[in-house]
Amino acid sequence: MRLRHRVESSTAGSVDAPVLAARNEFEHAWTNLARARANWQRAFFGLLLLTIGLLTMCAWLVASARVIPWIVEVDRFGRAKAFGPAEQLRAPDERFVRAQLSEFVRDVRTVYPTDAAERDVVGRAYAYVDPAAAAFLNQWFGDTANNPRVIARDRVRTVEVTGMLRVPASSVYRVSWIETDWPIAAGGGAPSSAAWEGYIGIRLATPRSMDDVVANPLGVYVTSITWAKSGRMARDGASTATPEVR
């Protein structure tokens, strides 16, 4: 019995040895594959996090980048004579603002004998207005009594700005001017003058494009307009008060 048991055990051991060896080899290979897969996954996620970090850093650099323009003066040979960083545009001088407002009043109130001239000055005036002020002008010119083309049929009008004061602690200017109507037809009568007064609100905005620089270089925009006839001028220059709000 003992001999037979030993023989059977020896036979079973000799049969199971290749199976166990193959199983160990398979488990070893599978374990290596699993470890390699896990390592590649770690490397992939590490590179992904690194890429996200780099993209975030690039976006931050782009958002925080500042371009400092420089102005360079060159001679006729192309050699630099003077250069330096361009300074921030400052608010326009008060005298320039008043000059532009005076031009605006003359453009919107003067009546020229030709449509081309009138269209040119009115178009130039509209480059200075905000939507609210443009709506006021549209309504004003929409009235036949104020339409320059209708007025120009029998007379022309000249405008002389006589005064301008800024309302304290505000961006509103009080403007005074005299309008003189000159009859065109022979025997149409003597010219007549009337004194007007208006309040014009403005805002300052830096031009952002070349078109803005050409149309409105100072960045003075009219935000509100109210005006009224303050009196009719007599021949001796005296004013007769006849207020008429428009």
Protein backbone atom coordinates (compact mmCIF):
# COMPACT_ATOMS: atom_id res chain seq x y z
CA MET A 1 0.00 0.00 0.00
CA ARG A 2 2.72 2.41 0.90
CA LEU A 3 4.54 1.73 -2.34
CA ARG A 4 1.37 2.17 -4.37
CA HIS A 5 0.61 5.51 -2.64
CA ARG A 6 4.07 6.77 -3.35
CA VAL A 7 3.75 5.80 -6.99
CA GLU A 8 0.37 7.53 -7.32
CA SER A 9 1.67 10.70 -5.59
CA SER A 10 4.73 10.76 -7.80
CA THR A 11 2.60 10.31 -10.89
CA ALA A 12 0.18 13.13 -9.85
CA GLY A 13 3.05 15.47 -9.03
CA SER A 14 4.70 14.85 -12.37
CA VAL A 15 1.39 15.62 -14.16
CA ASP A 16 0.57 18.85 -12.17
CA ALA A 17 4.04 20.41 -12.44
CA PRO A 18 3.68 21.68 -16.06
CA VAL A 19 0.17 23.00 -15.31
CA LEU A 20 1.34 24.88 -12.26
CA ALA A 21 4.31 26.25 -14.15
CA ALA A 22 2.08 27.42 -16.99
CA ARG A 23 -0.34 28.97 -14.52
CA ASN A 24 2.45 30.82 -12.76
CA GLU A 25 3.83 32.03 -16.06
CA PHE A 26 0.36 33.28 -17.13
CA GLU A 27 -0.22 35.03 -13.84
CA HIS A 28 3.21 36.61 -14.03
CA ALA A 29 2.61 37.87 -17.58
CA TRP A 30 -0.88 39.19 -16.71
CA THR A 31 0.47 40.95 -13.65
CA ASN A 32 3.14 42.64 -15.75
CA LEU A 33 0.53 43.74 -18.28
CA ALA A 34 -1.70 45.14 -15.53
CA ARG A 35 1.21 46.99 -13.97
CA ALA A 36 2.26 48.42 -17.35
CA ARG A 37 -1.32 49.52 -18.03
CA ALA A 38 -1.54 51.22 -14.64
CA ASN A 39 1.80 52.96 -15.24
CA TRP A 40 0.66 54.22 -18.64
CA GLN A 41 -2.59 55.47 -17.13
CA ARG A 42 -0.66 57.36 -14.45
CA ALA A 43 1.63 58.85 -17.11
CA PHE A 44 -1.37 59.85 -19.26
CA PHE A 45 -3.20 61.57 -16.42
CA GLY A 46 0.03 63.26 -15.34
CA LEU A 47 0.59 64.63 -18.84
CA LEU A 48 -3.07 65.69 -19.01
CA LEU A 49 -2.76 67.66 -15.77
CA LEU A 50 0.49 69.19 -17.02
CA THR A 51 -1.16 70.22 -20.30
CA ILE A 52 -4.11 71.77 -18.47
CA GLY A 53 -1.72 73.67 -16.25
CA LEU A 54 0.26 74.96 -19.24
CA LEU A 55 -2.92 76.02 -21.06
CA THR A 56 -4.13 77.82 -17.95
CA MET A 57 -0.80 79.59 -17.62
CA CYS A 58 -0.87 80.61 -21.31
CA ALA A 59 -4.41 81.96 -20.96
CA TRP A 60 -3.40 83.95 -17.89
CA LEU A 61 -0.36 85.36 -19.70
CA VAL A 62 -2.48 86.36 -22.70
CA ALA A 63 -5.11 88.00 -20.49
CA SER A 64 -2.52 89.89 -18.48
CA ALA A 65 -0.34 90.91 -21.42
CA ARG A 66 0.06 94.64 -21.94
CA VAL A 67 1.30 96.25 -25.13
CA ILE A 68 3.18 99.50 -24.62
CA PRO A 69 3.23 101.46 -27.89
CA TRP A 70 6.27 103.54 -28.68
CA ILE A 71 6.46 106.55 -30.96
CA VAL A 72 9.59 106.78 -33.09
CA GLU A 73 10.60 109.82 -35.12
CA VAL A 74 12.90 109.10 -38.04
CA ASP A 75 14.79 111.33 -40.41
CA ARG A 76 14.67 111.12 -44.19
CA PHE A 77 17.22 108.31 -44.12
CA GLY A 78 15.09 106.19 -41.80
CA ARG A 79 17.31 106.65 -38.77
CA ALA A 80 15.66 107.14 -35.40
CA LYS A 81 15.89 110.71 -34.14
CA ALA A 82 13.65 110.53 -31.08
CA PHE A 83 11.55 107.84 -29.50
CA GLY A 84 9.65 107.11 -26.34
CA PRO A 85 6.54 105.38 -25.00
CA ALA A 86 3.23 106.82 -26.10
CA GLU A 87 1.51 108.59 -23.24
CA GLN A 88 -2.10 108.06 -22.24
CA LEU A 89 -4.43 110.50 -23.93
CA ARG A 90 -5.43 113.25 -21.56
CA ALA A 91 -8.81 114.95 -21.37
CA PRO A 92 -9.06 117.71 -23.98
CA ASP A 93 -8.51 121.26 -22.85
CA GLU A 94 -11.63 123.20 -21.89
CA ARG A 95 -11.01 125.69 -24.68
CA PHE A 96 -11.05 122.92 -27.28
CA VAL A 97 -14.33 121.57 -25.90
CA ARG A 98 -15.92 125.00 -26.14
CA ALA A 99 -14.63 125.47 -29.66
CA GLN A 100 -16.11 122.15 -30.74
CA LEU A 101 -19.46 122.96 -29.11
CA SER A 102 -19.50 126.32 -30.90
CA GLU A 103 -18.89 124.54 -34.19
CA PHE A 104 -21.66 122.07 -33.37
CA VAL A 105 -24.18 124.86 -32.72
CA ARG A 106 -23.25 126.60 -35.96
CA ASP A 107 -23.56 123.37 -37.92
CA VAL A 108 -27.04 122.47 -36.67
CA ARG A 109 -28.48 126.00 -36.73
CA THR A 110 -26.99 127.54 -39.88
CA VAL A 111 -29.04 127.34 -43.09
CA TYR A 112 -27.06 127.20 -46.33
CA PRO A 113 -28.48 127.95 -49.79
CA THR A 114 -27.43 124.59 -51.28
CA ASP A 115 -28.41 121.09 -50.24
CA ALA A 116 -24.84 119.81 -50.58
CA ALA A 117 -23.44 122.32 -48.11
CA GLU A 118 -26.29 121.76 -45.68
CA ARG A 119 -25.92 117.99 -45.86
CA ASP A 120 -22.19 118.28 -45.19
CA VAL A 121 -22.49 120.37 -42.01
CA VAL A 122 -25.46 118.41 -40.65
CA GLY A 123 -23.63 115.13 -41.24
CA ARG A 124 -20.61 116.54 -39.44
CA ALA A 125 -22.81 117.59 -36.51
CA TYR A 126 -24.33 114.11 -36.21
CA ALA A 127 -20.83 112.69 -35.65
CA TYR A 128 -20.84 114.53 -32.31
CA VAL A 129 -24.15 113.26 -30.89
CA ASP A 130 -25.29 110.32 -28.81
CA PRO A 131 -28.53 108.48 -29.65
CA ALA A 132 -30.63 110.66 -27.31
CA ALA A 133 -29.34 113.88 -28.85
CA ALA A 134 -29.71 112.40 -32.34
CA ALA A 135 -33.38 111.66 -31.58
CA PHE A 136 -33.86 115.30 -30.55
CA LEU A 137 -32.29 116.55 -33.78
CA ASN A 138 -34.38 114.13 -35.85
CA GLN A 139 -37.53 115.45 -34.25
CA TRP A 140 -36.39 119.06 -34.66
CA PHE A 141 -35.52 118.74 -38.35
CA GLY A 142 -38.66 116.67 -38.93
CA ASP A 143 -40.76 119.78 -38.34
CA THR A 144 -41.29 121.65 -41.61
CA ALA A 145 -40.74 124.99 -39.88
CA ASN A 146 -37.23 123.85 -38.88
CA ASN A 147 -36.30 121.93 -42.03
CA PRO A 148 -33.22 123.64 -43.55
CA ARG A 149 -34.25 122.69 -47.08
CA VAL A 150 -37.61 124.40 -46.66
CA ILE A 151 -36.09 127.47 -44.99
CA ALA A 152 -33.44 127.78 -47.73
CA ARG A 153 -36.13 128.38 -50.36
CA ASP A 154 -36.51 132.03 -49.34
CA ARG A 155 -33.68 132.83 -46.92
CA VAL A 156 -30.36 131.75 -45.47
CA ARG A 157 -29.35 131.86 -41.83
CA THR A 158 -26.07 132.71 -40.18
CA VAL A 159 -25.20 131.91 -36.58
CA GLU A 160 -22.86 133.76 -34.25
CA VAL A 161 -22.06 132.16 -30.89
CA THR A 162 -21.87 134.97 -28.35
CA GLY A 163 -21.32 133.17 -25.06
CA MET A 164 -20.68 129.83 -23.41
CA LEU A 165 -20.55 128.94 -19.72
CA ARG A 166 -20.26 125.60 -18.03
CA VAL A 167 -22.89 124.82 -15.42
CA PRO A 168 -21.01 124.25 -12.14
CA ALA A 169 -20.48 120.64 -11.02
CA SER A 170 -21.93 119.22 -14.24
CA SER A 171 -21.09 118.42 -17.85
CA VAL A 172 -23.72 120.81 -19.22
CA TYR A 173 -22.88 124.03 -21.06
CA ARG A 174 -25.08 127.10 -21.40
CA VAL A 175 -24.65 128.46 -24.91
CA SER A 176 -25.91 131.78 -26.30
CA TRP A 177 -26.00 132.69 -29.97
CA ILE A 178 -27.61 135.08 -32.45
CA GLU A 179 -29.32 133.87 -35.62
CA THR A 180 -29.71 136.24 -38.56
CA ASP A 181 -32.05 135.43 -41.44
CA TRP A 182 -31.11 136.92 -44.80
CA PRO A 183 -33.85 136.99 -47.46
CA ILE A 184 -32.71 135.60 -50.81
CA ALA A 185 -35.25 137.17 -53.14
CA ALA A 186 -34.87 140.78 -54.17
CA GLY A 187 -37.17 142.96 -52.13
CA GLY A 188 -37.63 140.22 -49.57
CA GLY A 189 -37.15 142.65 -46.74
CA ALA A 190 -34.43 143.49 -44.27
CA PRO A 191 -32.52 140.78 -42.41
CA SER A 192 -33.89 139.85 -39.00
CA SER A 193 -31.96 138.58 -35.99
CA ALA A 194 -33.02 136.58 -32.96
CA ALA A 195 -31.19 135.65 -29.77
CA TRP A 196 -31.18 132.01 -28.74
CA GLU A 197 -30.03 130.17 -25.65
CA GLY A 198 -29.44 126.48 -25.16
CA TYR A 199 -28.17 123.88 -22.69
CA ILE A 200 -25.99 121.15 -24.14
CA GLY A 201 -24.82 118.14 -22.13
CA ILE A 202 -21.67 116.31 -23.18
CA ARG A 203 -19.51 113.33 -22.34
CA LEU A 204 -15.87 112.68 -23.15
CA ALA A 205 -14.81 109.38 -24.72
CA THR A 206 -11.43 108.44 -26.15
CA PRO A 207 -11.65 107.61 -29.89
CA ARG A 208 -11.21 103.88 -30.47
CA SER A 209 -10.86 103.66 -34.24
CA MET A 210 -9.46 105.66 -37.12
CA ASP A 211 -13.00 106.61 -38.20
CA ASP A 212 -13.69 108.02 -34.72
CA VAL A 213 -10.44 109.98 -34.81
CA VAL A 214 -11.34 111.53 -38.17
CA ALA A 215 -14.98 112.28 -37.31
CA ASN A 216 -14.56 113.33 -33.67
CA PRO A 217 -10.88 113.67 -32.73
CA LEU A 218 -11.50 115.16 -29.27
CA GLY A 219 -14.08 112.54 -28.31
CA VAL A 220 -16.67 115.16 -27.28
CA TYR A 221 -20.17 113.69 -27.62
CA VAL A 222 -23.40 115.63 -27.12
CA THR A 223 -25.78 113.73 -24.86
CA SER A 224 -28.65 116.20 -24.43
CA ILE A 225 -29.92 119.33 -26.14
CA THR A 226 -32.48 121.93 -25.12
CA TRP A 227 -32.74 125.39 -26.64
CA ALA A 228 -35.12 128.34 -26.69
CA LYS A 229 -35.45 131.68 -28.41
CA SER A 230 -34.55 134.25 -25.79
CA GLY A 231 -35.50 137.37 -27.76
CA ARG A 232 -35.57 139.17 -31.09
CA MET A 233 -32.77 141.58 -31.89
CA ALA A 234 -33.77 145.11 -32.87
CA ARG A 235 -31.84 147.05 -35.48
CA ASP A 236 -29.91 148.88 -32.78
CA GLY A 237 -28.73 145.59 -31.31
CA ALA A 238 -31.12 145.55 -28.36
CA SER A 239 -32.86 142.28 -27.50
CA THR A 240 -36.60 141.98 -26.96
CA ALA A 241 -37.33 139.00 -24.74
CA THR A 242 -39.74 136.57 -26.38
CA PRO A 243 -38.96 133.14 -24.90
CA GLU A 244 -39.93 130.19 -27.02
CA VAL A 245 -38.86 126.77 -25.81
CA ARG A 246 -37.98 124.10 -28.39
